[in-house]
């Protein structure tokens, strides 16, 4: 596993809005991660999600994980799993259901109509 991944993972999960944690170390470390990541690195990054989007850093993390050669998570999340892991599963399920050779996600219908893409299930309070 590359040093940048290990350094980011060592910081723990992304902080919530209501904490006094400094997000600068997380931002610096996440932007230092070279992509694409390996499957092993993607799995190591999965526990780094916090409860919220951490001022957009969770979206960056999600997109980094999605650069791995295979889809993650590898198994469906359980009911109590982190909402980001559930979102990754939903996004990977849409890719799995897309026609082979298609670069369009399943929510882009062949007939030109579209279904709303997945949205983050969070709201700032």
C-alpha atoms as a PDB file:
ATOM      1  CA  UNK A   1       0.000   0.000   0.000  1.00  0.00           C
ATOM      2  CA  UNK A   2       1.325   3.409  -0.902  1.00  0.00           C
ATOM      3  CA  UNK A   3       2.513   5.870   1.721  1.00  0.00           C
ATOM      4  CA  UNK A   4      -0.184   8.471   0.882  1.00  0.00           C
ATOM      5  CA  UNK A   5      -2.950   5.948   1.574  1.00  0.00           C
ATOM      6  CA  UNK A   6      -1.381   4.847   4.858  1.00  0.00           C
ATOM      7  CA  UNK A   7      -1.007   8.469   5.984  1.00  0.00           C
ATOM      8  CA  UNK A   8      -4.630   9.293   5.177  1.00  0.00           C
ATOM      9  CA  UNK A   9      -5.982   6.150   6.849  1.00  0.00           C
ATOM     10  CA  UNK A  10      -3.876   6.881   9.955  1.00  0.00           C
ATOM     11  CA  UNK A  11      -5.855  10.108  10.470  1.00  0.00           C
ATOM     12  CA  UNK A  12      -9.004   8.097  11.251  1.00  0.00           C
ATOM     13  CA  UNK A  13     -12.466   8.783   9.903  1.00  0.00           C
ATOM     14  CA  UNK A  14     -13.450  12.142   8.470  1.00  0.00           C
ATOM     15  CA  UNK A  15     -14.648  14.526  11.194  1.00  0.00           C
ATOM     16  CA  UNK A  16     -18.260  15.632  11.622  1.00  0.00           C
ATOM     17  CA  UNK A  17     -19.429  19.232  11.324  1.00  0.00           C
ATOM     18  CA  UNK A  18     -20.076  19.553  15.034  1.00  0.00           C
ATOM     19  CA  UNK A  19     -16.539  18.700  16.139  1.00  0.00           C
ATOM     20  CA  UNK A  20     -13.656  21.035  16.701  1.00  0.00           C
ATOM     21  CA  UNK A  21     -11.374  18.831  14.618  1.00  0.00           C
ATOM     22  CA  UNK A  22      -9.116  20.533  12.117  1.00  0.00           C
ATOM     23  CA  UNK A  23      -9.981  19.278   8.638  1.00  0.00           C
ATOM     24  CA  UNK A  24      -6.832  20.692   7.024  1.00  0.00           C
ATOM     25  CA  UNK A  25      -4.751  17.526   7.656  1.00  0.00           C
ATOM     26  CA  UNK A  26      -7.532  15.452   6.065  1.00  0.00           C
ATOM     27  CA  UNK A  27      -7.781  17.781   3.065  1.00  0.00           C
ATOM     28  CA  UNK A  28      -4.030  17.810   2.534  1.00  0.00           C
ATOM     29  CA  UNK A  29      -3.736  14.036   2.862  1.00  0.00           C
ATOM     30  CA  UNK A  30      -6.708  13.179   0.635  1.00  0.00           C
ATOM     31  CA  UNK A  31      -5.503  15.451  -2.163  1.00  0.00           C
ATOM     32  CA  UNK A  32      -2.083  13.791  -2.006  1.00  0.00           C
ATOM     33  CA  UNK A  33      -3.531  10.358  -2.853  1.00  0.00           C
ATOM     34  CA  UNK A  34      -2.534   9.371  -6.387  1.00  0.00           C
ATOM     35  CA  UNK A  35      -5.180   7.666  -8.486  1.00  0.00           C
ATOM     36  CA  UNK A  36      -6.107   5.117  -9.536  1.00  0.00           C
ATOM     37  CA  UNK A  37      -6.004   3.185  -6.289  1.00  0.00           C
ATOM     38  CA  UNK A  38      -5.655  -0.571  -6.020  1.00  0.00           C
ATOM     39  CA  UNK A  39      -8.392  -2.826  -4.656  1.00  0.00           C
ATOM     40  CA  UNK A  40      -6.407  -3.264  -1.440  1.00  0.00           C
ATOM     41  CA  UNK A  41      -6.075   0.509  -1.078  1.00  0.00           C
ATOM     42  CA  UNK A  42      -9.774   1.049  -1.795  1.00  0.00           C
ATOM     43  CA  UNK A  43     -10.700  -1.438   0.945  1.00  0.00           C
ATOM     44  CA  UNK A  44      -8.304   0.300   3.352  1.00  0.00           C
ATOM     45  CA  UNK A  45      -9.959   3.662   2.609  1.00  0.00           C
ATOM     46  CA  UNK A  46     -13.537   2.454   3.222  1.00  0.00           C
ATOM     47  CA  UNK A  47     -13.498   2.938   7.037  1.00  0.00           C
ATOM     48  CA  UNK A  48     -12.328   6.550   6.588  1.00  0.00           C
ATOM     49  CA  UNK A  49     -15.850   7.815   5.907  1.00  0.00           C
ATOM     50  CA  UNK A  50     -17.443   9.794   8.713  1.00  0.00           C
ATOM     51  CA  UNK A  51     -21.138  10.402   9.268  1.00  0.00           C
ATOM     52  CA  UNK A  52     -21.268  13.545   7.132  1.00  0.00           C
ATOM     53  CA  UNK A  53     -19.602  14.856   3.993  1.00  0.00           C
ATOM     54  CA  UNK A  54     -16.894  16.812   5.855  1.00  0.00           C
ATOM     55  CA  UNK A  55     -17.185  19.876   3.623  1.00  0.00           C
ATOM     56  CA  UNK A  56     -16.999  17.734   0.477  1.00  0.00           C
ATOM     57  CA  UNK A  57     -14.051  15.554   1.463  1.00  0.00           C
ATOM     58  CA  UNK A  58     -16.272  12.466   1.664  1.00  0.00           C
ATOM     59  CA  UNK A  59     -17.228  12.960  -1.986  1.00  0.00           C
ATOM     60  CA  UNK A  60     -13.541  13.181  -2.874  1.00  0.00           C
ATOM     61  CA  UNK A  61     -12.920   9.969  -0.935  1.00  0.00           C
ATOM     62  CA  UNK A  62     -15.819   8.255  -2.703  1.00  0.00           C
ATOM     63  CA  UNK A  63     -14.454   9.227  -6.114  1.00  0.00           C
ATOM     64  CA  UNK A  64     -10.958   8.038  -5.170  1.00  0.00           C
ATOM     65  CA  UNK A  65     -12.346   4.644  -4.099  1.00  0.00           C
ATOM     66  CA  UNK A  66     -14.242   4.420  -7.395  1.00  0.00           C
ATOM     67  CA  UNK A  67     -10.922   4.595  -9.319  1.00  0.00           C
ATOM     68  CA  UNK A  68     -10.029   1.073  -8.160  1.00  0.00           C
ATOM     69  CA  UNK A  69     -10.181  -1.686 -10.786  1.00  0.00           C
ATOM     70  CA  UNK A  70     -13.130  -3.433  -9.120  1.00  0.00           C
ATOM     71  CA  UNK A  71     -16.288  -2.191  -7.484  1.00  0.00           C
ATOM     72  CA  UNK A  72     -16.375  -1.488  -3.747  1.00  0.00           C
ATOM     73  CA  UNK A  73     -17.780  -2.412  -1.358  1.00  0.00           C
ATOM     74  CA  UNK A  74     -17.636  -6.015  -2.492  1.00  0.00           C
ATOM     75  CA  UNK A  75     -20.669  -7.075  -0.481  1.00  0.00           C
ATOM     76  CA  UNK A  76     -23.939  -5.297   0.292  1.00  0.00           C
ATOM     77  CA  UNK A  77     -23.830  -3.100   3.379  1.00  0.00           C
ATOM     78  CA  UNK A  78     -25.750  -4.161   6.428  1.00  0.00           C
ATOM     79  CA  UNK A  79     -28.643  -2.082   7.679  1.00  0.00           C
ATOM     80  CA  UNK A  80     -26.542  -0.166  10.208  1.00  0.00           C
ATOM     81  CA  UNK A  81     -23.561   0.486   7.937  1.00  0.00           C
ATOM     82  CA  UNK A  82     -22.301   3.972   7.227  1.00  0.00           C
ATOM     83  CA  UNK A  83     -24.429   5.878   4.710  1.00  0.00           C
ATOM     84  CA  UNK A  84     -21.397   6.484   2.498  1.00  0.00           C
ATOM     85  CA  UNK A  85     -20.786   2.748   2.214  1.00  0.00           C
ATOM     86  CA  UNK A  86     -24.461   2.342   1.311  1.00  0.00           C
ATOM     87  CA  UNK A  87     -24.134   5.056  -1.340  1.00  0.00           C
ATOM     88  CA  UNK A  88     -21.056   3.374  -2.824  1.00  0.00           C
ATOM     89  CA  UNK A  89     -23.004   0.114  -2.975  1.00  0.00           C
ATOM     90  CA  UNK A  90     -25.936   1.835  -4.738  1.00  0.00           C
ATOM     91  CA  UNK A  91     -23.599   3.428  -7.270  1.00  0.00           C
ATOM     92  CA  UNK A  92     -21.797   0.151  -7.942  1.00  0.00           C
ATOM     93  CA  UNK A  93     -25.152  -1.629  -8.304  1.00  0.00           C
ATOM     94  CA  UNK A  94     -26.155   0.877 -11.001  1.00  0.00           C
ATOM     95  CA  UNK A  95     -22.903   0.185 -12.845  1.00  0.00           C
ATOM     96  CA  UNK A  96     -23.456  -3.578 -12.557  1.00  0.00           C
ATOM     97  CA  UNK A  97     -26.924  -3.169 -14.078  1.00  0.00           C
ATOM     98  CA  UNK A  98     -25.704  -1.010 -17.000  1.00  0.00           C
ATOM     99  CA  UNK A  99     -25.548  -2.716 -20.398  1.00  0.00           C
ATOM    100  CA  UNK A 100     -22.138  -4.224 -21.118  1.00  0.00           C
ATOM    101  CA  UNK A 101     -19.917  -1.788 -22.947  1.00  0.00           C
ATOM    102  CA  UNK A 102     -22.027   1.169 -21.891  1.00  0.00           C
ATOM    103  CA  UNK A 103     -20.322   4.099 -20.288  1.00  0.00           C
ATOM    104  CA  UNK A 104     -23.636   5.482 -19.094  1.00  0.00           C
ATOM    105  CA  UNK A 105     -24.869   4.663 -15.615  1.00  0.00           C
ATOM    106  CA  UNK A 106     -28.202   2.855 -15.331  1.00  0.00           C
ATOM    107  CA  UNK A 107     -30.030   6.067 -14.428  1.00  0.00           C
ATOM    108  CA  UNK A 108     -29.386   7.356 -17.980  1.00  0.00           C
ATOM    109  CA  UNK A 109     -32.070   5.475 -19.862  1.00  0.00           C
ATOM    110  CA  UNK A 110     -31.521   4.309 -23.443  1.00  0.00           C
ATOM    111  CA  UNK A 111     -34.657   6.137 -24.593  1.00  0.00           C
ATOM    112  CA  UNK A 112     -33.207   9.497 -23.535  1.00  0.00           C
ATOM    113  CA  UNK A 113     -35.197   9.849 -20.352  1.00  0.00           C
ATOM    114  CA  UNK A 114     -33.434   9.806 -17.053  1.00  0.00           C
ATOM    115  CA  UNK A 115     -34.114   8.886 -13.513  1.00  0.00           C
ATOM    116  CA  UNK A 116     -32.722  11.096 -10.776  1.00  0.00           C
ATOM    117  CA  UNK A 117     -29.167  10.081  -9.934  1.00  0.00           C
ATOM    118  CA  UNK A 118     -28.408   9.073  -6.374  1.00  0.00           C
ATOM    119  CA  UNK A 119     -28.072  11.886  -3.907  1.00  0.00           C
ATOM    120  CA  UNK A 120     -26.244  11.967  -0.629  1.00  0.00           C
ATOM    121  CA  UNK A 121     -28.699  10.921   2.073  1.00  0.00           C
ATOM    122  CA  UNK A 122     -27.494  13.661   4.410  1.00  0.00           C
ATOM    123  CA  UNK A 123     -28.563  17.128   5.276  1.00  0.00           C
ATOM    124  CA  UNK A 124     -26.727  19.756   7.196  1.00  0.00           C
ATOM    125  CA  UNK A 125     -28.399  20.719  10.404  1.00  0.00           C
END
